[in-house]
PDB file of N, CA and C in Angstrom:
ATOM      1  N   UNK A   1      46.204  57.256   3.031  1.00  0.00           N
ATOM      2  CA  UNK A   1      45.901  56.305   4.248  1.00  0.00           C
ATOM      3  C   UNK A   1      44.994  56.697   4.805  1.00  0.00           C
ATOM      4  N   UNK A   2      43.860  55.945   5.229  1.00  0.00           N
ATOM      5  CA  UNK A   2      42.256  55.870   6.163  1.00  0.00           C
ATOM      6  C   UNK A   2      42.873  56.555   7.396  1.00  0.00           C
ATOM      7  N   UNK A   3      41.956  57.271   7.600  1.00  0.00           N
ATOM      8  CA  UNK A   3      41.903  57.794   9.389  1.00  0.00           C
ATOM      9  C   UNK A   3      42.305  56.585  10.248  1.00  0.00           C
ATOM     10  N   UNK A   4      43.104  56.776  11.286  1.00  0.00           N
ATOM     11  CA  UNK A   4      42.860  55.749  12.123  1.00  0.00           C
ATOM     12  C   UNK A   4      41.620  55.466  13.235  1.00  0.00           C
ATOM     13  N   UNK A   5      41.768  54.397  13.732  1.00  0.00           N
ATOM     14  CA  UNK A   5      40.570  54.054  14.789  1.00  0.00           C
ATOM     15  C   UNK A   5      40.694  54.817  15.983  1.00  0.00           C
ATOM     16  N   UNK A   6      40.758  55.894  16.583  1.00  0.00           N
ATOM     17  CA  UNK A   6      40.819  56.265  17.884  1.00  0.00           C
ATOM     18  C   UNK A   6      39.584  56.106  18.729  1.00  0.00           C
ATOM     19  N   UNK A   7      39.933  56.017  20.127  1.00  0.00           N
ATOM     20  CA  UNK A   7      38.474  56.057  20.793  1.00  0.00           C
ATOM     21  C   UNK A   7      37.599  57.274  21.043  1.00  0.00           C
ATOM     22  N   UNK A   8      36.917  57.198  21.633  1.00  0.00           N
ATOM     23  CA  UNK A   8      36.031  58.157  22.049  1.00  0.00           C
ATOM     24  C   UNK A   8      36.706  59.332  22.742  1.00  0.00           C
ATOM     25  N   UNK A   9      36.321  60.428  22.695  1.00  0.00           N
ATOM     26  CA  UNK A   9      36.215  61.646  23.814  1.00  0.00           C
ATOM     27  C   UNK A   9      36.589  61.371  25.029  1.00  0.00           C
ATOM     28  N   UNK A  10      34.893  60.907  25.359  1.00  0.00           N
ATOM     29  CA  UNK A  10      35.189  60.097  26.676  1.00  0.00           C
ATOM     30  C   UNK A  10      36.429  58.930  27.203  1.00  0.00           C
ATOM     31  N   UNK A  11      36.865  58.253  26.415  1.00  0.00           N
ATOM     32  CA  UNK A  11      38.198  57.531  26.685  1.00  0.00           C
ATOM     33  C   UNK A  11      39.303  58.538  27.529  1.00  0.00           C
ATOM     34  N   UNK A  12      39.774  59.316  26.958  1.00  0.00           N
ATOM     35  CA  UNK A  12      40.382  60.454  26.639  1.00  0.00           C
ATOM     36  C   UNK A  12      40.268  60.811  28.340  1.00  0.00           C
ATOM     37  N   UNK A  13      38.892  61.578  28.496  1.00  0.00           N
ATOM     38  CA  UNK A  13      38.612  62.220  29.766  1.00  0.00           C
ATOM     39  C   UNK A  13      38.774  61.507  30.797  1.00  0.00           C
ATOM     40  N   UNK A  14      38.624  60.217  30.823  1.00  0.00           N
ATOM     41  CA  UNK A  14      38.848  59.412  31.944  1.00  0.00           C
ATOM     42  C   UNK A  14      40.417  59.287  31.997  1.00  0.00           C
ATOM     43  N   UNK A  15      41.683  59.615  31.822  1.00  0.00           N
ATOM     44  CA  UNK A  15      42.505  59.472  31.628  1.00  0.00           C
ATOM     45  C   UNK A  15      43.296  58.226  31.148  1.00  0.00           C
ATOM     46  N   UNK A  16      42.981  57.813  30.137  1.00  0.00           N
ATOM     47  CA  UNK A  16      43.544  56.656  29.579  1.00  0.00           C
ATOM     48  C   UNK A  16      44.389  57.154  28.564  1.00  0.00           C
ATOM     49  N   UNK A  17      45.386  56.042  28.752  1.00  0.00           N
ATOM     50  CA  UNK A  17      46.467  56.422  27.549  1.00  0.00           C
ATOM     51  C   UNK A  17      46.066  54.874  26.558  1.00  0.00           C
ATOM     52  N   UNK A  18      46.536  55.258  25.185  1.00  0.00           N
ATOM     53  CA  UNK A  18      46.574  54.173  23.826  1.00  0.00           C
ATOM     54  C   UNK A  18      48.071  54.367  23.481  1.00  0.00           C
ATOM     55  N   UNK A  19      48.057  52.969  22.594  1.00  0.00           N
ATOM     56  CA  UNK A  19      49.416  52.694  22.070  1.00  0.00           C
ATOM     57  C   UNK A  19      48.736  52.127  20.499  1.00  0.00           C
ATOM     58  N   UNK A  20      49.403  52.154  19.460  1.00  0.00           N
ATOM     59  CA  UNK A  20      48.986  51.744  18.355  1.00  0.00           C
ATOM     60  C   UNK A  20      49.749  51.732  17.376  1.00  0.00           C
ATOM     61  N   UNK A  21      49.453  51.705  16.389  1.00  0.00           N
ATOM     62  CA  UNK A  21      49.975  51.664  15.168  1.00  0.00           C
ATOM     63  C   UNK A  21      49.339  51.852  13.577  1.00  0.00           C
ATOM     64  N   UNK A  22      50.433  51.757  12.615  1.00  0.00           N
ATOM     65  CA  UNK A  22      49.634  52.225  11.390  1.00  0.00           C
ATOM     66  C   UNK A  22      50.730  51.775  10.166  1.00  0.00           C
ATOM     67  N   UNK A  23      50.926  50.996   9.684  1.00  0.00           N
ATOM     68  CA  UNK A  23      51.905  50.393   8.922  1.00  0.00           C
ATOM     69  C   UNK A  23      53.157  50.361   9.972  1.00  0.00           C
ATOM     70  N   UNK A  24      54.215  50.990   9.391  1.00  0.00           N
ATOM     71  CA  UNK A  24      55.602  50.716  10.122  1.00  0.00           C
ATOM     72  C   UNK A  24      55.643  51.916  11.643  1.00  0.00           C
ATOM     73  N   UNK A  25      54.464  52.533  11.232  1.00  0.00           N
ATOM     74  CA  UNK A  25      54.638  54.067  12.459  1.00  0.00           C
ATOM     75  C   UNK A  25      54.024  53.250  13.686  1.00  0.00           C
ATOM     76  N   UNK A  26      54.679  53.703  14.806  1.00  0.00           N
ATOM     77  CA  UNK A  26      54.191  52.759  15.991  1.00  0.00           C
ATOM     78  C   UNK A  26      53.513  54.355  16.973  1.00  0.00           C
ATOM     79  N   UNK A  27      52.791  54.228  17.862  1.00  0.00           N
ATOM     80  CA  UNK A  27      52.245  55.371  18.430  1.00  0.00           C
ATOM     81  C   UNK A  27      51.442  55.539  19.896  1.00  0.00           C
ATOM     82  N   UNK A  28      52.245  56.327  20.966  1.00  0.00           N
ATOM     83  CA  UNK A  28      51.342  56.468  22.105  1.00  0.00           C
ATOM     84  C   UNK A  28      51.035  57.746  22.432  1.00  0.00           C
ATOM     85  N   UNK A  29      49.587  57.818  22.701  1.00  0.00           N
ATOM     86  CA  UNK A  29      48.644  58.975  23.271  1.00  0.00           C
ATOM     87  C   UNK A  29      48.770  59.040  24.433  1.00  0.00           C
ATOM     88  N   UNK A  30      48.434  59.699  25.381  1.00  0.00           N
ATOM     89  CA  UNK A  30      48.347  60.176  26.519  1.00  0.00           C
ATOM     90  C   UNK A  30      47.529  61.508  26.919  1.00  0.00           C
ATOM     91  N   UNK A  31      46.478  61.336  27.586  1.00  0.00           N
ATOM     92  CA  UNK A  31      46.214  62.553  28.138  1.00  0.00           C
ATOM     93  C   UNK A  31      46.885  63.422  29.223  1.00  0.00           C
ATOM     94  N   UNK A  32      46.757  64.593  29.168  1.00  0.00           N
ATOM     95  CA  UNK A  32      46.565  65.347  30.167  1.00  0.00           C
ATOM     96  C   UNK A  32      45.856  66.197  30.879  1.00  0.00           C
ATOM     97  N   UNK A  33      45.629  67.672  31.293  1.00  0.00           N
ATOM     98  CA  UNK A  33      44.754  68.015  31.805  1.00  0.00           C
ATOM     99  C   UNK A  33      43.962  68.731  30.530  1.00  0.00           C
ATOM    100  N   UNK A  34      44.178  69.155  29.908  1.00  0.00           N
ATOM    101  CA  UNK A  34      43.432  69.906  28.685  1.00  0.00           C
ATOM    102  C   UNK A  34      43.810  69.288  27.701  1.00  0.00           C
ATOM    103  N   UNK A  35      44.799  68.735  27.305  1.00  0.00           N
ATOM    104  CA  UNK A  35      45.562  68.565  25.906  1.00  0.00           C
ATOM    105  C   UNK A  35      46.018  66.766  25.773  1.00  0.00           C
ATOM    106  N   UNK A  36      45.973  66.577  24.856  1.00  0.00           N
ATOM    107  CA  UNK A  36      46.641  65.292  24.253  1.00  0.00           C
ATOM    108  C   UNK A  36      47.944  64.919  23.600  1.00  0.00           C
ATOM    109  N   UNK A  37      48.952  64.433  24.490  1.00  0.00           N
ATOM    110  CA  UNK A  37      50.188  64.585  23.978  1.00  0.00           C
ATOM    111  C   UNK A  37      50.487  62.965  23.280  1.00  0.00           C
ATOM    112  N   UNK A  38      50.946  63.144  22.204  1.00  0.00           N
ATOM    113  CA  UNK A  38      51.170  61.880  20.751  1.00  0.00           C
ATOM    114  C   UNK A  38      52.888  62.207  20.737  1.00  0.00           C
ATOM    115  N   UNK A  39      53.058  60.454  20.442  1.00  0.00           N
ATOM    116  CA  UNK A  39      54.410  60.514  19.828  1.00  0.00           C
ATOM    117  C   UNK A  39      54.359  59.245  19.383  1.00  0.00           C
ATOM    118  N   UNK A  40      55.595  58.956  18.057  1.00  0.00           N
ATOM    119  CA  UNK A  40      55.557  58.305  17.181  1.00  0.00           C
ATOM    120  C   UNK A  40      57.079  58.025  17.081  1.00  0.00           C
ATOM    121  N   UNK A  41      57.300  56.814  17.176  1.00  0.00           N
ATOM    122  CA  UNK A  41      58.585  56.291  16.498  1.00  0.00           C
ATOM    123  C   UNK A  41      58.425  54.822  15.767  1.00  0.00           C
ATOM    124  N   UNK A  42      59.805  54.281  14.772  1.00  0.00           N
ATOM    125  CA  UNK A  42      59.300  53.464  13.389  1.00  0.00           C
ATOM    126  C   UNK A  42      59.548  52.030  14.423  1.00  0.00           C
ATOM    127  N   UNK A  43      58.183  51.533  14.329  1.00  0.00           N
ATOM    128  CA  UNK A  43      58.312  49.641  14.519  1.00  0.00           C
ATOM    129  C   UNK A  43      59.298  48.899  13.741  1.00  0.00           C
ATOM    130  N   UNK A  44      59.648  47.666  14.149  1.00  0.00           N
ATOM    131  CA  UNK A  44      58.159  47.204  15.399  1.00  0.00           C
ATOM    132  C   UNK A  44      58.332  47.154  16.748  1.00  0.00           C
ATOM    133  N   UNK A  45      59.577  47.876  17.143  1.00  0.00           N
ATOM    134  CA  UNK A  45      60.091  47.881  18.268  1.00  0.00           C
ATOM    135  C   UNK A  45      59.572  48.458  19.438  1.00  0.00           C
ATOM    136  N   UNK A  46      59.638  48.508  20.511  1.00  0.00           N
ATOM    137  CA  UNK A  46      58.717  48.571  21.286  1.00  0.00           C
ATOM    138  C   UNK A  46      59.059  50.305  21.923  1.00  0.00           C
ATOM    139  N   UNK A  47      58.246  51.277  22.222  1.00  0.00           N
ATOM    140  CA  UNK A  47      59.079  52.843  22.645  1.00  0.00           C
ATOM    141  C   UNK A  47      60.147  52.799  23.179  1.00  0.00           C
ATOM    142  N   UNK A  48      60.248  51.815  24.292  1.00  0.00           N
ATOM    143  CA  UNK A  48      61.535  52.164  24.986  1.00  0.00           C
ATOM    144  C   UNK A  48      62.624  51.724  24.461  1.00  0.00           C
ATOM    145  N   UNK A  49      62.039  50.822  23.099  1.00  0.00           N
ATOM    146  CA  UNK A  49      63.764  50.406  22.054  1.00  0.00           C
ATOM    147  C   UNK A  49      64.324  50.817  21.127  1.00  0.00           C
ATOM    148  N   UNK A  50      63.087  52.150  20.904  1.00  0.00           N
ATOM    149  CA  UNK A  50      63.408  53.370  19.117  1.00  0.00           C
ATOM    150  C   UNK A  50      63.229  54.490  20.237  1.00  0.00           C
ATOM    151  N   UNK A  51      64.035  55.375  19.258  1.00  0.00           N
ATOM    152  CA  UNK A  51      63.728  56.867  19.492  1.00  0.00           C
ATOM    153  C   UNK A  51      62.989  57.338  18.998  1.00  0.00           C
ATOM    154  N   UNK A  52      62.081  58.210  19.607  1.00  0.00           N
ATOM    155  CA  UNK A  52      60.813  58.801  19.110  1.00  0.00           C
ATOM    156  C   UNK A  52      61.092  59.570  18.027  1.00  0.00           C
ATOM    157  N   UNK A  53      60.338  59.711  17.048  1.00  0.00           N
ATOM    158  CA  UNK A  53      60.797  60.408  15.799  1.00  0.00           C
ATOM    159  C   UNK A  53      59.650  61.746  15.768  1.00  0.00           C
ATOM    160  N   UNK A  54      58.782  61.494  16.438  1.00  0.00           N
ATOM    161  CA  UNK A  54      57.672  62.704  16.447  1.00  0.00           C
ATOM    162  C   UNK A  54      56.636  63.260  17.952  1.00  0.00           C
ATOM    163  N   UNK A  55      56.653  64.890  18.479  1.00  0.00           N
ATOM    164  CA  UNK A  55      55.625  64.527  19.091  1.00  0.00           C
ATOM    165  C   UNK A  55      54.559  65.603  18.568  1.00  0.00           C
ATOM    166  N   UNK A  56      54.059  65.454  19.412  1.00  0.00           N
ATOM    167  CA  UNK A  56      52.951  67.020  19.106  1.00  0.00           C
ATOM    168  C   UNK A  56      51.876  66.629  20.395  1.00  0.00           C
ATOM    169  N   UNK A  57      51.176  68.675  20.322  1.00  0.00           N
ATOM    170  CA  UNK A  57      49.990  68.435  21.221  1.00  0.00           C
ATOM    171  C   UNK A  57      49.407  68.585  20.798  1.00  0.00           C
ATOM    172  N   UNK A  58      47.745  68.013  21.299  1.00  0.00           N
ATOM    173  CA  UNK A  58      46.390  68.288  20.709  1.00  0.00           C
ATOM    174  C   UNK A  58      45.423  68.869  21.586  1.00  0.00           C
ATOM    175  N   UNK A  59      44.828  69.777  21.744  1.00  0.00           N
ATOM    176  CA  UNK A  59      43.691  69.673  22.366  1.00  0.00           C
ATOM    177  C   UNK A  59      42.600  68.319  23.143  1.00  0.00           C
ATOM    178  N   UNK A  60      42.000  68.411  24.312  1.00  0.00           N
ATOM    179  CA  UNK A  60      41.565  67.430  24.985  1.00  0.00           C
ATOM    180  C   UNK A  60      40.054  67.706  24.114  1.00  0.00           C
ATOM    181  N   UNK A  61      39.915  67.894  22.476  1.00  0.00           N
ATOM    182  CA  UNK A  61      38.125  67.977  22.412  1.00  0.00           C
ATOM    183  C   UNK A  61      38.185  67.178  21.431  1.00  0.00           C
ATOM    184  N   UNK A  62      37.086  67.246  20.790  1.00  0.00           N
ATOM    185  CA  UNK A  62      36.690  66.508  19.909  1.00  0.00           C
ATOM    186  C   UNK A  62      37.435  67.165  17.785  1.00  0.00           C
ATOM    187  N   UNK A  63      37.181  68.502  18.092  1.00  0.00           N
ATOM    188  CA  UNK A  63      38.527  68.887  16.875  1.00  0.00           C
ATOM    189  C   UNK A  63      39.609  68.439  17.209  1.00  0.00           C
ATOM    190  N   UNK A  64      40.224  68.313  18.284  1.00  0.00           N
ATOM    191  CA  UNK A  64      41.811  68.290  18.680  1.00  0.00           C
ATOM    192  C   UNK A  64      42.042  66.146  17.995  1.00  0.00           C
ATOM    193  N   UNK A  65      40.875  65.621  18.417  1.00  0.00           N
ATOM    194  CA  UNK A  65      41.220  64.167  18.292  1.00  0.00           C
ATOM    195  C   UNK A  65      41.145  63.971  16.759  1.00  0.00           C
ATOM    196  N   UNK A  66      40.383  64.844  15.889  1.00  0.00           N
ATOM    197  CA  UNK A  66      40.444  64.917  14.108  1.00  0.00           C
ATOM    198  C   UNK A  66      41.531  65.347  13.936  1.00  0.00           C
ATOM    199  N   UNK A  67      42.275  66.647  14.909  1.00  0.00           N
ATOM    200  CA  UNK A  67      44.145  66.858  14.617  1.00  0.00           C
ATOM    201  C   UNK A  67      44.802  65.913  14.448  1.00  0.00           C
ATOM    202  N   UNK A  68      44.742  65.350  15.702  1.00  0.00           N
ATOM    203  CA  UNK A  68      45.059  63.877  15.891  1.00  0.00           C
ATOM    204  C   UNK A  68      45.333  63.439  15.137  1.00  0.00           C
ATOM    205  N   UNK A  69      43.859  62.510  14.346  1.00  0.00           N
ATOM    206  CA  UNK A  69      44.148  61.778  13.467  1.00  0.00           C
ATOM    207  C   UNK A  69      44.698  61.811  12.275  1.00  0.00           C
ATOM    208  N   UNK A  70      44.339  63.300  12.041  1.00  0.00           N
ATOM    209  CA  UNK A  70      45.508  63.609  10.684  1.00  0.00           C
ATOM    210  C   UNK A  70      46.768  63.789  10.880  1.00  0.00           C
ATOM    211  N   UNK A  71      47.381  64.177  11.634  1.00  0.00           N
ATOM    212  CA  UNK A  71      48.555  64.584  12.174  1.00  0.00           C
ATOM    213  C   UNK A  71      49.424  62.476  12.487  1.00  0.00           C
ATOM    214  N   UNK A  72      48.653  61.872  12.824  1.00  0.00           N
ATOM    215  CA  UNK A  72      49.084  60.400  12.875  1.00  0.00           C
ATOM    216  C   UNK A  72      49.180  59.600  11.052  1.00  0.00           C
ATOM    217  N   UNK A  73      48.136  59.749  10.453  1.00  0.00           N
ATOM    218  CA  UNK A  73      47.767  59.773   9.446  1.00  0.00           C
ATOM    219  C   UNK A  73      48.926  60.064   8.381  1.00  0.00           C
ATOM    220  N   UNK A  74      49.545  60.727   8.791  1.00  0.00           N
ATOM    221  CA  UNK A  74      50.358  61.836   7.867  1.00  0.00           C
ATOM    222  C   UNK A  74      52.048  61.194   8.786  1.00  0.00           C
ATOM    223  N   UNK A  75      52.196  60.684   9.604  1.00  0.00           N
ATOM    224  CA  UNK A  75      53.734  60.075   9.763  1.00  0.00           C
ATOM    225  C   UNK A  75      53.864  59.446   9.037  1.00  0.00           C
ATOM    226  N   UNK A  76      55.680  59.708   8.828  1.00  0.00           N
ATOM    227  CA  UNK A  76      56.735  58.580   8.291  1.00  0.00           C
ATOM    228  C   UNK A  76      57.577  58.086   8.879  1.00  0.00           C
ATOM    229  N   UNK A  77      57.998  57.346   8.663  1.00  0.00           N
ATOM    230  CA  UNK A  77      59.392  56.782   9.716  1.00  0.00           C
ATOM    231  C   UNK A  77      60.559  56.017   8.484  1.00  0.00           C
TER     232      UNK A  77
END
């Protein structure tokens, strides 16, 4: 599967959160002080309507964004 589009590092450094999807997988990414928290769940429902099936934390850095993108691309529900 192709890498997902994720915003640039400055988007996250400014405290913005992001919802997205790839196929049947839905995800939510939220920045914390020095890391990004990611959660995935099966679609098409909203996160509040489904059980989260995966969680991971990545460094708030360019390398962390690349790791996050790879992790999201590998998620299956």
